Amino acid sequence: MPHTILVTAPKLGAAGTAKLEAAGCRVLYLTGTKDAAEVAAILAAEPVDAVISRTFDLPEAAMRACPTLKVVTKHGVGVSNIDLPGATRLGIPVYVTPGANSQSVAELAIGLMLAAARRIAWMDHEVKAGRWSRAQDGQQLAGRTLGLVGFGQIGQRTAAIAMAMGMKAVAYDPALAGPSPLAGVEIVPTLEDLLPRANVLSLHVPLTDRTRGMIGRAQFERMPPRAILVNTARGPVVNEPDLVAALRDGLLHGAGLDTTMEEPIPAGSPLLALANVVLTPHVGASTPDALEAVSAIAADNVLGYLGGRPPDPAWCFNPEVLASGARPP
């Protein structure tokens, strides 16, 4: 009997789709409400073997309702929408697709950094409105220091581009042991060591209990005057009210945000009224190149696991399941 794969989105990249079809899989997509409720309804009604998870929540109750479910892979690397403890209790390994979208996210981080430094979005709006408003307080980034919180593949690629522009790069990553994996980047032991040097602070960490709200007023006050924050990680890593206050009172020069506390941003959010904020709608990994690469690895993850060839254990967010015996393929 062919495996049944649920993609929690209306479609999957052509590369991943081709792999699943070649393996004879029955692939289910969202076609109705296109939300978490539809995901739960499909899992309760269909003999799903694997889930390729996009952005909607995947709670324990939804997974528990599907006794055939054996493996979940994230379409990306952030698993904050997946109930990881619940999956672990059910014996379901949760994999990610590391590196596949790193270049696209890094390029957006650099784009947000440049836009915030030079007030590009604000001037574009002004010119299109018929006003020749020339902001002349923009920051030249060459010679300034980029501080990276998290130094995995996205952080490393962001640093490489920044250094090519003439910036210095310093990184903090509690998971990193040993020397810097990228020549020219200094690794510091604590966030407190990083902050006073970071003219630009770029966030590249997953959302966990440890990272939730890790950047707030106290951290902004330790940064150099008129620093810039870039967040292409997860919105709740930043204390948003503290960020708004720091932007309003000039403690920060600007911010470039691809992720926010609430998504979509509510109409009354104070971020929408700040001229020194550049906002994008969580699209760091949403280029055709990245989506194709991620879809292919996600398909390989589920096909490999179901076929008795599990992916690299380092890609599994709950490896204790593998050690204790996951649901059999």
C-alpha atoms as a PDB file:
ATOM      1  CA  MET A   1       0.000   0.000   0.000  1.00  0.00           C
ATOM      2  CA  PRO A   2       1.436   3.434  -0.899  1.00  0.00           C
ATOM      3  CA  HIS A   3       2.322   5.828   1.887  1.00  0.00           C
ATOM      4  CA  THR A   4      -0.050   8.726   2.562  1.00  0.00           C
ATOM      5  CA  ILE A   5       1.681  12.077   3.069  1.00  0.00           C
ATOM      6  CA  LEU A   6      -0.074  15.201   4.342  1.00  0.00           C
ATOM      7  CA  VAL A   7       1.357  18.562   3.284  1.00  0.00           C
ATOM      8  CA  THR A   8      -0.085  21.261   5.536  1.00  0.00           C
ATOM      9  CA  ALA A   9      -0.346  23.762   2.684  1.00  0.00           C
ATOM     10  CA  PRO A  10      -2.182  23.942  -0.658  1.00  0.00           C
ATOM     11  CA  LYS A  11       0.931  22.865  -2.555  1.00  0.00           C
ATOM     12  CA  LEU A  12       4.534  21.689  -2.318  1.00  0.00           C
ATOM     13  CA  GLY A  13       7.530  22.636  -4.449  1.00  0.00           C
ATOM     14  CA  ALA A  14       7.878  20.734  -7.705  1.00  0.00           C
ATOM     15  CA  ALA A  15      11.096  19.030  -6.617  1.00  0.00           C
ATOM     16  CA  GLY A  16       9.492  17.555  -3.496  1.00  0.00           C
ATOM     17  CA  THR A  17       6.271  16.690  -5.308  1.00  0.00           C
ATOM     18  CA  ALA A  18       8.199  14.794  -7.970  1.00  0.00           C
ATOM     19  CA  LYS A  19      10.023  12.737  -5.333  1.00  0.00           C
ATOM     20  CA  LEU A  20       6.793  11.796  -3.553  1.00  0.00           C
ATOM     21  CA  GLU A  21       5.033  10.922  -6.805  1.00  0.00           C
ATOM     22  CA  ALA A  22       7.979   8.827  -7.988  1.00  0.00           C
ATOM     23  CA  ALA A  23       7.754   6.856  -4.748  1.00  0.00           C
ATOM     24  CA  GLY A  24       4.061   6.186  -5.413  1.00  0.00           C
ATOM     25  CA  CYS A  25       2.847   8.201  -2.443  1.00  0.00           C
ATOM     26  CA  ARG A  26      -0.687   9.427  -2.009  1.00  0.00           C
ATOM     27  CA  VAL A  27      -0.244  13.140  -1.240  1.00  0.00           C
ATOM     28  CA  LEU A  28      -2.907  15.180   0.552  1.00  0.00           C
ATOM     29  CA  TYR A  29      -2.991  18.990   0.510  1.00  0.00           C
ATOM     30  CA  LEU A  30      -5.142  21.589   2.230  1.00  0.00           C
ATOM     31  CA  THR A  31      -8.057  22.571   0.030  1.00  0.00           C
ATOM     32  CA  GLY A  32     -10.797  23.729   2.408  1.00  0.00           C
ATOM     33  CA  THR A  33     -10.303  26.155   5.288  1.00  0.00           C
ATOM     34  CA  LYS A  34      -6.519  25.998   4.846  1.00  0.00           C
ATOM     35  CA  ASP A  35      -5.870  26.305   8.562  1.00  0.00           C
ATOM     36  CA  ALA A  36      -4.992  24.239  11.626  1.00  0.00           C
ATOM     37  CA  ALA A  37      -8.576  23.003  11.907  1.00  0.00           C
ATOM     38  CA  GLU A  38      -8.376  21.438   8.455  1.00  0.00           C
ATOM     39  CA  VAL A  39      -5.036  19.835   9.336  1.00  0.00           C
ATOM     40  CA  ALA A  40      -6.608  18.252  12.420  1.00  0.00           C
ATOM     41  CA  ALA A  41      -9.654  17.092  10.453  1.00  0.00           C
ATOM     42  CA  ILE A  42      -7.532  15.362   7.814  1.00  0.00           C
ATOM     43  CA  LEU A  43      -5.401  13.614  10.429  1.00  0.00           C
ATOM     44  CA  ALA A  44      -8.541  12.351  12.158  1.00  0.00           C
ATOM     45  CA  ALA A  45     -10.040  11.009   8.938  1.00  0.00           C
ATOM     46  CA  GLU A  46      -7.120   9.750   6.836  1.00  0.00           C
ATOM     47  CA  PRO A  47      -4.428   7.058   7.333  1.00  0.00           C
ATOM     48  CA  VAL A  48      -1.590   9.585   7.178  1.00  0.00           C
ATOM     49  CA  ASP A  49       1.911   8.119   7.489  1.00  0.00           C
ATOM     50  CA  ALA A  50       3.860  11.379   7.470  1.00  0.00           C
ATOM     51  CA  VAL A  51       3.304  15.119   7.720  1.00  0.00           C
ATOM     52  CA  ILE A  52       5.292  17.774   5.909  1.00  0.00           C
ATOM     53  CA  SER A  53       4.523  20.708   8.183  1.00  0.00           C
ATOM     54  CA  ARG A  54       4.418  24.302   6.969  1.00  0.00           C
ATOM     55  CA  THR A  55       3.157  27.124   9.225  1.00  0.00           C
ATOM     56  CA  PHE A  56      -0.059  25.898  10.855  1.00  0.00           C
ATOM     57  CA  ASP A  57      -0.032  24.528  14.392  1.00  0.00           C
ATOM     58  CA  LEU A  58       0.355  20.780  14.765  1.00  0.00           C
ATOM     59  CA  PRO A  59      -0.770  19.963  18.336  1.00  0.00           C
ATOM     60  CA  GLU A  60      -0.526  16.652  20.160  1.00  0.00           C
ATOM     61  CA  ALA A  61      -4.287  16.086  19.936  1.00  0.00           C
ATOM     62  CA  ALA A  62      -4.206  16.246  16.134  1.00  0.00           C
ATOM     63  CA  MET A  63      -1.276  13.818  15.940  1.00  0.00           C
ATOM     64  CA  ARG A  64      -2.808  11.491  18.527  1.00  0.00           C
ATOM     65  CA  ALA A  65      -5.991  11.296  16.418  1.00  0.00           C
ATOM     66  CA  CYS A  66      -3.977   9.677  13.626  1.00  0.00           C
ATOM     67  CA  PRO A  67      -2.648   6.298  14.846  1.00  0.00           C
ATOM     68  CA  THR A  68      -0.887   5.669  11.526  1.00  0.00           C
ATOM     69  CA  LEU A  69       1.268   8.815  11.796  1.00  0.00           C
ATOM     70  CA  LYS A  70       4.919   7.814  12.046  1.00  0.00           C
ATOM     71  CA  VAL A  71       7.035  10.884  11.246  1.00  0.00           C
ATOM     72  CA  VAL A  72       6.826  14.668  10.886  1.00  0.00           C
ATOM     73  CA  THR A  73       9.219  16.874   8.997  1.00  0.00           C
ATOM     74  CA  LYS A  74       9.217  20.632   9.115  1.00  0.00           C
ATOM     75  CA  HIS A  75       9.325  22.415   5.777  1.00  0.00           C
ATOM     76  CA  GLY A  76      12.189  24.567   7.096  1.00  0.00           C
ATOM     77  CA  VAL A  77      13.957  24.657  10.450  1.00  0.00           C
ATOM     78  CA  GLY A  78      11.659  26.430  12.932  1.00  0.00           C
ATOM     79  CA  VAL A  79       9.510  23.927  14.832  1.00  0.00           C
ATOM     80  CA  SER A  80       7.680  26.346  17.152  1.00  0.00           C
ATOM     81  CA  ASN A  81       4.363  25.459  15.452  1.00  0.00           C
ATOM     82  CA  ILE A  82       4.812  21.741  16.179  1.00  0.00           C
ATOM     83  CA  ASP A  83       4.005  20.325  19.616  1.00  0.00           C
ATOM     84  CA  LEU A  84       7.429  18.770  20.112  1.00  0.00           C
ATOM     85  CA  PRO A  85       6.771  17.348  23.618  1.00  0.00           C
ATOM     86  CA  GLY A  86       3.502  15.903  22.306  1.00  0.00           C
ATOM     87  CA  ALA A  87       5.232  14.278  19.341  1.00  0.00           C
ATOM     88  CA  THR A  88       7.831  12.858  21.708  1.00  0.00           C
ATOM     89  CA  ARG A  89       5.160  11.372  23.965  1.00  0.00           C
ATOM     90  CA  LEU A  90       3.618   9.738  20.891  1.00  0.00           C
ATOM     91  CA  GLY A  91       6.957   8.364  19.677  1.00  0.00           C
ATOM     92  CA  ILE A  92       6.921  10.483  16.520  1.00  0.00           C
ATOM     93  CA  PRO A  93      10.284  11.896  15.394  1.00  0.00           C
ATOM     94  CA  VAL A  94      10.274  15.495  14.144  1.00  0.00           C
ATOM     95  CA  TYR A  95      12.861  16.334  11.492  1.00  0.00           C
ATOM     96  CA  VAL A  96      13.896  19.638   9.908  1.00  0.00           C
ATOM     97  CA  THR A  97      15.508  20.628   6.598  1.00  0.00           C
ATOM     98  CA  PRO A  98      18.676  22.481   7.621  1.00  0.00           C
ATOM     99  CA  GLY A  99      20.565  24.628   5.171  1.00  0.00           C
ATOM    100  CA  ALA A 100      18.125  24.454   2.299  1.00  0.00           C
ATOM    101  CA  ASN A 101      16.820  27.993   2.720  1.00  0.00           C
ATOM    102  CA  SER A 102      19.870  29.544   4.386  1.00  0.00           C
ATOM    103  CA  GLN A 103      20.997  31.696   1.480  1.00  0.00           C
ATOM    104  CA  SER A 104      17.577  33.218   0.874  1.00  0.00           C
ATOM    105  CA  VAL A 105      17.094  34.062   4.561  1.00  0.00           C
ATOM    106  CA  ALA A 106      20.592  35.506   4.816  1.00  0.00           C
ATOM    107  CA  GLU A 107      20.033  37.705   1.776  1.00  0.00           C
ATOM    108  CA  LEU A 108      16.802  39.051   3.263  1.00  0.00           C
ATOM    109  CA  ALA A 109      18.585  39.759   6.557  1.00  0.00           C
ATOM    110  CA  ILE A 110      21.147  41.825   4.653  1.00  0.00           C
ATOM    111  CA  GLY A 111      18.370  43.561   2.711  1.00  0.00           C
ATOM    112  CA  LEU A 112      16.546  44.508   5.912  1.00  0.00           C
ATOM    113  CA  MET A 113      19.827  45.686   7.421  1.00  0.00           C
ATOM    114  CA  LEU A 114      20.544  47.983   4.479  1.00  0.00           C
ATOM    115  CA  ALA A 115      16.970  49.260   4.336  1.00  0.00           C
ATOM    116  CA  ALA A 116      16.955  50.074   8.051  1.00  0.00           C
ATOM    117  CA  ALA A 117      20.406  51.665   7.940  1.00  0.00           C
ATOM    118  CA  ARG A 118      19.539  54.001   5.045  1.00  0.00           C
ATOM    119  CA  ARG A 119      15.767  54.429   5.657  1.00  0.00           C
ATOM    120  CA  ILE A 120      15.099  53.116   2.158  1.00  0.00           C
ATOM    121  CA  ALA A 121      11.461  52.134   2.706  1.00  0.00           C
ATOM    122  CA  TRP A 122      10.571  55.496   4.243  1.00  0.00           C
ATOM    123  CA  MET A 123      12.208  57.489   1.428  1.00  0.00           C
ATOM    124  CA  ASP A 124      10.529  55.286  -1.194  1.00  0.00           C
ATOM    125  CA  HIS A 125       7.152  56.049   0.403  1.00  0.00           C
ATOM    126  CA  GLU A 126       7.903  59.767   0.550  1.00  0.00           C
ATOM    127  CA  VAL A 127       9.032  60.048  -3.068  1.00  0.00           C
ATOM    128  CA  LYS A 128       5.977  58.122  -4.321  1.00  0.00           C
ATOM    129  CA  ALA A 129       3.792  60.485  -2.292  1.00  0.00           C
ATOM    130  CA  GLY A 130       5.291  63.456  -4.143  1.00  0.00           C
ATOM    131  CA  ARG A 131       7.651  64.575  -1.379  1.00  0.00           C
ATOM    132  CA  TRP A 132      11.384  64.901  -2.015  1.00  0.00           C
ATOM    133  CA  SER A 133      12.274  63.890   1.566  1.00  0.00           C
ATOM    134  CA  ARG A 134      15.993  63.162   1.688  1.00  0.00           C
ATOM    135  CA  ALA A 135      17.019  61.328   4.860  1.00  0.00           C
ATOM    136  CA  GLN A 136      20.671  62.162   5.385  1.00  0.00           C
ATOM    137  CA  ASP A 137      21.176  60.394   8.690  1.00  0.00           C
ATOM    138  CA  GLY A 138      21.628  56.963   7.140  1.00  0.00           C
ATOM    139  CA  GLN A 139      24.407  54.733   8.400  1.00  0.00           C
ATOM    140  CA  GLN A 140      27.269  53.448   6.294  1.00  0.00           C
ATOM    141  CA  LEU A 141      27.723  49.838   7.342  1.00  0.00           C
ATOM    142  CA  ALA A 142      31.320  49.293   6.234  1.00  0.00           C
ATOM    143  CA  GLY A 143      33.543  49.507   9.283  1.00  0.00           C
ATOM    144  CA  ARG A 144      30.683  48.782  11.687  1.00  0.00           C
ATOM    145  CA  THR A 145      30.248  45.524  13.575  1.00  0.00           C
ATOM    146  CA  LEU A 146      27.565  42.942  12.931  1.00  0.00           C
ATOM    147  CA  GLY A 147      26.626  40.952  16.018  1.00  0.00           C
ATOM    148  CA  LEU A 148      24.971  37.613  15.331  1.00  0.00           C
ATOM    149  CA  VAL A 149      22.879  35.801  17.915  1.00  0.00           C
ATOM    150  CA  GLY A 150      22.917  32.240  16.661  1.00  0.00           C
ATOM    151  CA  PHE A 151      25.624  31.133  14.248  1.00  0.00           C
ATOM    152  CA  GLY A 152      24.256  28.236  12.270  1.00  0.00           C
ATOM    153  CA  GLN A 153      24.171  28.184   8.494  1.00  0.00           C
ATOM    154  CA  ILE A 154      21.967  31.290   8.146  1.00  0.00           C
ATOM    155  CA  GLY A 155      24.095  33.273  10.571  1.00  0.00           C
ATOM    156  CA  GLN A 156      27.277  32.200   8.827  1.00  0.00           C
ATOM    157  CA  ARG A 157      26.000  33.197   5.386  1.00  0.00           C
ATOM    158  CA  THR A 158      24.774  36.529   6.724  1.00  0.00           C
ATOM    159  CA  ALA A 159      28.207  37.154   8.234  1.00  0.00           C
ATOM    160  CA  ALA A 160      29.969  36.266   4.992  1.00  0.00           C
ATOM    161  CA  ILE A 161      27.929  38.793   3.003  1.00  0.00           C
ATOM    162  CA  ALA A 162      28.366  41.470   5.670  1.00  0.00           C
ATOM    163  CA  MET A 163      32.142  40.980   5.767  1.00  0.00           C
ATOM    164  CA  ALA A 164      32.271  41.245   1.979  1.00  0.00           C
ATOM    165  CA  MET A 165      30.661  44.684   2.449  1.00  0.00           C
ATOM    166  CA  GLY A 166      33.423  45.707   4.845  1.00  0.00           C
ATOM    167  CA  MET A 167      31.718  44.950   8.151  1.00  0.00           C
ATOM    168  CA  LYS A 168      33.285  43.157  11.092  1.00  0.00           C
ATOM    169  CA  ALA A 169      31.418  40.148  12.479  1.00  0.00           C
ATOM    170  CA  VAL A 170      31.115  38.800  16.010  1.00  0.00           C
ATOM    171  CA  ALA A 171      28.849  35.904  16.997  1.00  0.00           C
ATOM    172  CA  TYR A 172      27.329  34.337  20.087  1.00  0.00           C
ATOM    173  CA  ASP A 173      25.877  30.836  19.958  1.00  0.00           C
ATOM    174  CA  PRO A 174      25.551  28.742  23.117  1.00  0.00           C
ATOM    175  CA  ALA A 175      25.360  25.584  21.009  1.00  0.00           C
ATOM    176  CA  LEU A 176      28.678  26.264  19.291  1.00  0.00           C
ATOM    177  CA  ALA A 177      31.698  24.505  20.695  1.00  0.00           C
ATOM    178  CA  GLY A 178      35.209  25.136  19.476  1.00  0.00           C
ATOM    179  CA  PRO A 179      36.555  27.727  17.038  1.00  0.00           C
ATOM    180  CA  SER A 180      34.527  29.754  14.594  1.00  0.00           C
ATOM    181  CA  PRO A 181      33.336  27.742  11.586  1.00  0.00           C
ATOM    182  CA  LEU A 182      33.807  30.852   9.422  1.00  0.00           C
ATOM    183  CA  ALA A 183      37.170  32.561   9.111  1.00  0.00           C
ATOM    184  CA  GLY A 184      37.164  36.177  10.217  1.00  0.00           C
ATOM    185  CA  VAL A 185      34.273  35.854  12.675  1.00  0.00           C
ATOM    186  CA  GLU A 186      35.031  36.156  16.371  1.00  0.00           C
ATOM    187  CA  ILE A 187      33.022  33.946  18.736  1.00  0.00           C
ATOM    188  CA  VAL A 188      32.226  35.388  22.169  1.00  0.00           C
ATOM    189  CA  PRO A 189      31.091  33.328  25.184  1.00  0.00           C
ATOM    190  CA  THR A 190      28.008  35.300  26.241  1.00  0.00           C
ATOM    191  CA  LEU A 191      25.326  37.589  24.866  1.00  0.00           C
ATOM    192  CA  GLU A 192      26.534  40.255  27.296  1.00  0.00           C
ATOM    193  CA  ASP A 193      29.947  40.165  25.602  1.00  0.00           C
ATOM    194  CA  LEU A 194      28.347  40.586  22.191  1.00  0.00           C
ATOM    195  CA  LEU A 195      25.894  43.435  22.776  1.00  0.00           C
ATOM    196  CA  PRO A 196      28.283  46.379  23.397  1.00  0.00           C
ATOM    197  CA  ARG A 197      30.007  45.654  20.087  1.00  0.00           C
ATOM    198  CA  ALA A 198      26.917  45.147  17.900  1.00  0.00           C
ATOM    199  CA  ASN A 199      26.154  48.188  15.747  1.00  0.00           C
ATOM    200  CA  VAL A 200      23.778  45.794  14.021  1.00  0.00           C
ATOM    201  CA  LEU A 201      22.260  42.883  15.951  1.00  0.00           C
ATOM    202  CA  SER A 202      20.951  40.084  13.722  1.00  0.00           C
ATOM    203  CA  LEU A 203      18.932  37.241  15.258  1.00  0.00           C
ATOM    204  CA  HIS A 204      19.240  33.652  14.028  1.00  0.00           C
ATOM    205  CA  VAL A 205      17.971  31.466  16.874  1.00  0.00           C
ATOM    206  CA  PRO A 206      14.969  29.128  17.150  1.00  0.00           C
ATOM    207  CA  LEU A 207      12.089  30.017  19.435  1.00  0.00           C
ATOM    208  CA  THR A 208      12.447  28.090  22.690  1.00  0.00           C
ATOM    209  CA  ASP A 209      11.695  28.756  26.343  1.00  0.00           C
ATOM    210  CA  ARG A 210      15.268  30.017  26.629  1.00  0.00           C
ATOM    211  CA  THR A 211      15.118  32.411  23.676  1.00  0.00           C
ATOM    212  CA  ARG A 212      11.592  33.767  24.147  1.00  0.00           C
ATOM    213  CA  GLY A 213      11.919  37.479  25.003  1.00  0.00           C
ATOM    214  CA  MET A 214      15.704  37.255  25.192  1.00  0.00           C
ATOM    215  CA  ILE A 215      16.125  40.660  23.497  1.00  0.00           C
ATOM    216  CA  GLY A 216      14.502  43.599  25.275  1.00  0.00           C
ATOM    217  CA  ARG A 217      15.170  46.959  26.862  1.00  0.00           C
ATOM    218  CA  ALA A 218      18.130  45.789  28.946  1.00  0.00           C
ATOM    219  CA  GLN A 219      19.829  44.395  25.828  1.00  0.00           C
ATOM    220  CA  PHE A 220      19.102  47.496  23.720  1.00  0.00           C
ATOM    221  CA  GLU A 221      20.674  49.683  26.403  1.00  0.00           C
ATOM    222  CA  ARG A 222      23.908  47.660  26.238  1.00  0.00           C
ATOM    223  CA  MET A 223      24.241  48.137  22.483  1.00  0.00           C
ATOM    224  CA  PRO A 224      26.114  51.058  20.884  1.00  0.00           C
ATOM    225  CA  PRO A 225      24.104  54.265  20.353  1.00  0.00           C
ATOM    226  CA  ARG A 226      21.769  54.240  17.346  1.00  0.00           C
ATOM    227  CA  ALA A 227      22.170  50.516  16.724  1.00  0.00           C
ATOM    228  CA  ILE A 228      20.001  48.475  14.359  1.00  0.00           C
ATOM    229  CA  LEU A 229      18.047  45.287  15.073  1.00  0.00           C
ATOM    230  CA  VAL A 230      17.358  42.700  12.367  1.00  0.00           C
ATOM    231  CA  ASN A 231      15.068  39.756  13.085  1.00  0.00           C
ATOM    232  CA  THR A 232      14.601  36.979  10.540  1.00  0.00           C
ATOM    233  CA  ALA A 233      14.261  34.340  13.279  1.00  0.00           C
ATOM    234  CA  ARG A 234      11.008  34.360  15.275  1.00  0.00           C
ATOM    235  CA  GLY A 235       9.063  37.385  16.516  1.00  0.00           C
ATOM    236  CA  PRO A 236       8.712  36.337  20.166  1.00  0.00           C
ATOM    237  CA  VAL A 237      12.500  36.246  20.561  1.00  0.00           C
ATOM    238  CA  VAL A 238      12.148  40.032  20.926  1.00  0.00           C
ATOM    239  CA  ASN A 239      10.154  41.836  23.624  1.00  0.00           C
ATOM    240  CA  GLU A 240       8.066  43.849  21.177  1.00  0.00           C
ATOM    241  CA  PRO A 241       6.852  46.618  23.538  1.00  0.00           C
ATOM    242  CA  ASP A 242      10.482  47.225  24.539  1.00  0.00           C
ATOM    243  CA  LEU A 243      11.472  47.356  20.874  1.00  0.00           C
ATOM    244  CA  VAL A 244       8.750  49.896  20.074  1.00  0.00           C
ATOM    245  CA  ALA A 245       9.873  52.089  22.976  1.00  0.00           C
ATOM    246  CA  ALA A 246      13.526  51.891  21.930  1.00  0.00           C
ATOM    247  CA  LEU A 247      12.634  52.894  18.370  1.00  0.00           C
ATOM    248  CA  ARG A 248      10.416  55.747  19.500  1.00  0.00           C
ATOM    249  CA  ASP A 249      12.932  57.306  21.862  1.00  0.00           C
ATOM    250  CA  GLY A 250      15.913  56.987  19.513  1.00  0.00           C
ATOM    251  CA  LEU A 251      17.753  54.345  21.491  1.00  0.00           C
ATOM    252  CA  LEU A 252      17.792  52.358  18.240  1.00  0.00           C
ATOM    253  CA  HIS A 253      18.348  53.868  14.795  1.00  0.00           C
ATOM    254  CA  GLY A 254      16.007  51.372  13.196  1.00  0.00           C
ATOM    255  CA  ALA A 255      14.846  47.799  12.830  1.00  0.00           C
ATOM    256  CA  GLY A 256      14.272  45.363   9.992  1.00  0.00           C
ATOM    257  CA  LEU A 257      11.724  42.711  10.912  1.00  0.00           C
ATOM    258  CA  ASP A 258      10.631  39.705   8.910  1.00  0.00           C
ATOM    259  CA  THR A 259       8.972  38.207  11.989  1.00  0.00           C
ATOM    260  CA  THR A 260       6.783  39.763  14.686  1.00  0.00           C
ATOM    261  CA  MET A 261       4.927  38.737  17.845  1.00  0.00           C
ATOM    262  CA  GLU A 262       1.634  38.342  15.976  1.00  0.00           C
ATOM    263  CA  GLU A 263       1.427  37.262  12.359  1.00  0.00           C
ATOM    264  CA  PRO A 264      -0.227  38.770  10.401  1.00  0.00           C
ATOM    265  CA  ILE A 265       0.517  42.021  12.212  1.00  0.00           C
ATOM    266  CA  PRO A 266      -2.727  43.398  13.677  1.00  0.00           C
ATOM    267  CA  ALA A 267      -3.977  46.696  12.275  1.00  0.00           C
ATOM    268  CA  GLY A 268      -3.365  48.515  15.563  1.00  0.00           C
ATOM    269  CA  SER A 269       0.259  47.457  15.996  1.00  0.00           C
ATOM    270  CA  PRO A 270       2.501  50.428  16.849  1.00  0.00           C
ATOM    271  CA  LEU A 271       5.154  48.979  14.541  1.00  0.00           C
ATOM    272  CA  LEU A 272       3.035  50.064  11.585  1.00  0.00           C
ATOM    273  CA  ALA A 273       3.313  53.711  12.589  1.00  0.00           C
ATOM    274  CA  LEU A 274       7.094  53.825  13.016  1.00  0.00           C
ATOM    275  CA  ALA A 275       9.032  55.322  10.135  1.00  0.00           C
ATOM    276  CA  ASN A 276      12.273  53.693  11.288  1.00  0.00           C
ATOM    277  CA  VAL A 277      10.950  50.134  10.954  1.00  0.00           C
ATOM    278  CA  VAL A 278      11.095  48.035   7.781  1.00  0.00           C
ATOM    279  CA  LEU A 279       8.616  45.152   7.774  1.00  0.00           C
ATOM    280  CA  THR A 280       8.261  42.061   5.601  1.00  0.00           C
ATOM    281  CA  PRO A 281       5.608  39.329   6.091  1.00  0.00           C
ATOM    282  CA  HIS A 282       7.780  36.376   7.204  1.00  0.00           C
ATOM    283  CA  VAL A 283       9.134  35.638   3.748  1.00  0.00           C
ATOM    284  CA  GLY A 284      12.820  35.003   4.467  1.00  0.00           C
ATOM    285  CA  ALA A 285      12.659  31.482   3.081  1.00  0.00           C
ATOM    286  CA  SER A 286       9.954  32.193   0.507  1.00  0.00           C
ATOM    287  CA  THR A 287      11.927  32.386  -2.713  1.00  0.00           C
ATOM    288  CA  PRO A 288      11.339  29.827  -5.462  1.00  0.00           C
ATOM    289  CA  ASP A 289      14.931  28.627  -5.041  1.00  0.00           C
ATOM    290  CA  ALA A 290      14.558  28.063  -1.301  1.00  0.00           C
ATOM    291  CA  LEU A 291      11.088  26.529  -1.542  1.00  0.00           C
ATOM    292  CA  GLU A 292      12.266  24.025  -4.138  1.00  0.00           C
ATOM    293  CA  ALA A 293      15.324  23.031  -2.105  1.00  0.00           C
ATOM    294  CA  VAL A 294      13.342  22.698   1.134  1.00  0.00           C
ATOM    295  CA  SER A 295      10.583  20.669  -0.527  1.00  0.00           C
ATOM    296  CA  ALA A 296      13.127  18.196  -1.875  1.00  0.00           C
ATOM    297  CA  ILE A 297      14.786  17.655   1.506  1.00  0.00           C
ATOM    298  CA  ALA A 298      11.423  17.415   3.283  1.00  0.00           C
ATOM    299  CA  ALA A 299      10.365  14.697   0.836  1.00  0.00           C
ATOM    300  CA  ASP A 300      13.671  12.891   1.321  1.00  0.00           C
ATOM    301  CA  ASN A 301      13.179  13.043   5.094  1.00  0.00           C
ATOM    302  CA  VAL A 302       9.796  11.330   5.097  1.00  0.00           C
ATOM    303  CA  LEU A 303      10.630   8.869   2.318  1.00  0.00           C
ATOM    304  CA  GLY A 304      13.899   7.933   3.983  1.00  0.00           C
ATOM    305  CA  TYR A 305      12.301   7.370   7.368  1.00  0.00           C
ATOM    306  CA  LEU A 306       9.349   5.414   6.013  1.00  0.00           C
ATOM    307  CA  GLY A 307      11.692   3.384   3.826  1.00  0.00           C
ATOM    308  CA  GLY A 308      13.960   2.395   6.698  1.00  0.00           C
ATOM    309  CA  ARG A 309      16.694   4.900   5.825  1.00  0.00           C
ATOM    310  CA  PRO A 310      16.215   7.615   8.479  1.00  0.00           C
ATOM    311  CA  PRO A 311      17.705  11.066   7.868  1.00  0.00           C
ATOM    312  CA  ASP A 312      20.733  12.310   9.783  1.00  0.00           C
ATOM    313  CA  PRO A 313      19.870  12.095  13.522  1.00  0.00           C
ATOM    314  CA  ALA A 314      21.259  15.628  13.887  1.00  0.00           C
ATOM    315  CA  TRP A 315      18.236  16.802  11.879  1.00  0.00           C
ATOM    316  CA  CYS A 316      15.835  15.349  14.454  1.00  0.00           C
ATOM    317  CA  PHE A 317      14.552  17.769  17.111  1.00  0.00           C
ATOM    318  CA  ASN A 318      13.552  14.976  19.502  1.00  0.00           C
ATOM    319  CA  PRO A 319      16.320  12.374  19.043  1.00  0.00           C
ATOM    320  CA  GLU A 320      15.336  10.682  22.303  1.00  0.00           C
ATOM    321  CA  VAL A 321      12.451   9.190  20.319  1.00  0.00           C
ATOM    322  CA  LEU A 322      14.920   7.500  17.999  1.00  0.00           C
ATOM    323  CA  ALA A 323      16.819   6.080  20.945  1.00  0.00           C
ATOM    324  CA  SER A 324      13.746   4.787  22.750  1.00  0.00           C
ATOM    325  CA  GLY A 325      11.992   3.416  19.697  1.00  0.00           C
ATOM    326  CA  ALA A 326       9.733   5.526  17.491  1.00  0.00           C
ATOM    327  CA  ARG A 327       6.506   4.390  15.907  1.00  0.00           C
ATOM    328  CA  PRO A 328       7.586   1.708  13.410  1.00  0.00           C
ATOM    329  CA  PRO A 329       7.617   2.717   9.721  1.00  0.00           C
END
